[in-house]
Amino acid sequence: MSRKKDIDCKLLQDLYIVQKLTTREIADKLNIHYATVHAHMKKCGIKGRTRKECIDVATKRGRKIVGGKGEACHSYGVSKLDEISFTKDDLEFWYIKEEWSSKQIAEKYDVSPTMILNYLRKYGIRVRTVKEVGFQRQFKVSKKVLHELYIEQEKPLVEIAKMFEATHHTVKNLLKEYEIPIRTAKEVTVLKIQQGKVSGSNHPSWKGGKWKDHQGYVHIKMPDYPRARKDGYIREHFVVWEAYNGEIPEGYHIHHLNGIKDDNRIENLCAMPSKNHKVYISTLNAKIKELEEEVQSLRTQLVQKEISD
C-alpha cells in the first residue's frame, strides 16, 4: 500500500463530506494508508467529525460505536463501529498465554492495534514494554539447553533471563512451551536455602550481620539470643546493657544518654521505666528547642552588632 499519494481536495471532500465515507474506507478505496487521508484532510482544510457526528453517521448506517474520541473514533472512523467481538478472557489467552502481539490480535478481530492496547489496559492486563517485545522476538533457546540450566544446574529464572538478556516471564513461557516442570514457590524457597541465597554470609547483601534502621538503631544477627526476633536480629544496645546488668526489667527502656542511637558503649546506656523515659524525652526535646531558640537569638544579635560596627 502506498503511503504517499496526492489526493484532489474536491475528491476528498466528496468522499468524506458528501458520501460520508470513513477515513479507513477512503484509504481502502484510494489504496493508501488512512494516516495519509488524515494528513490530506488537514491540508485541504476538511475538519474531522466530532464524536456526536461520528455517532450520527454510525446510527444512519445501522452501526454501533464502541468508543474513542473525535473523528472516525480515533483513526478508524465509523468503519469499525460494530460491537467488539472479543472478551477479557480472549485477550488474556492470545496476549498472555499465546504471546501474540497487539497487531496480530487486531488482525484477528479486524480492529486497530490501538484499540487492542486500550482494551488491554481497560481490563487491567499489563502491556509489554518495548524492551520486552524486543526480547520476546529474539529469545529462543533449545529445550536441551534450557533443561540443562533450569533442571540440572538449578539456576533460577531471573539468572537464566539475565544470561540471554530476556525477561523471566519470557523464560517461564518457554519452559511451559517445552513442558519443563516449573518449580513451585516452596521448591524455590528450599532451593535458595540449600544454595545459601536467602540469608547469612553467602548473601550478596551480607554486611557482617549488622545493619542500622531509619531511626538510627543498630541491629545485629544473633538468632540464638533469647530476645531475638523471628528474623534472628536484635537491637545491639539491648545486648550490651544485658551483658553488664542482666535481663532488662519488664516495662523498662534502654536510653542513649547522649541521644546518639548507634553509640552503644555501656557508659552511654541507661535503663529507665518506659513511662519516665517518655517524660524525659519530652522534657529533653523542650530543652533542646529552648537552647536552639537561644542560639538563634544570639546569632541574630551578633549579626546586628557586626552591621552596626
Foldseek 3Di string as FASTA:
>chain_A
DAADDDDDLVVLCCVCPVVVDALVVVCVVVVYASVSSVVVCVVSVNAAAFVVVLQVVQVVVVFAADAAGTHLRPSVGSPPGHDFPDDPVRLCCCCPQVVDQLCVVCVVRVHDSVVSVVVCVVSVNDDDDPQQVVQLVPDDDDPVVLCCVCPVVVDDLCVVCVVSVHHSSSSVSVCVVSVPDDDDPVRVVVVCVVVVDPDDPVHPPDDQQWDADPQQFIKGAQQPDPPADPVRIDTPLQVQQCVPVNHQDPQKDWDQQVNRRHPNDNVRIDIDGPVVVVVVVVVVVVVVVVVVVVVVVVVVVVVVVVVVD
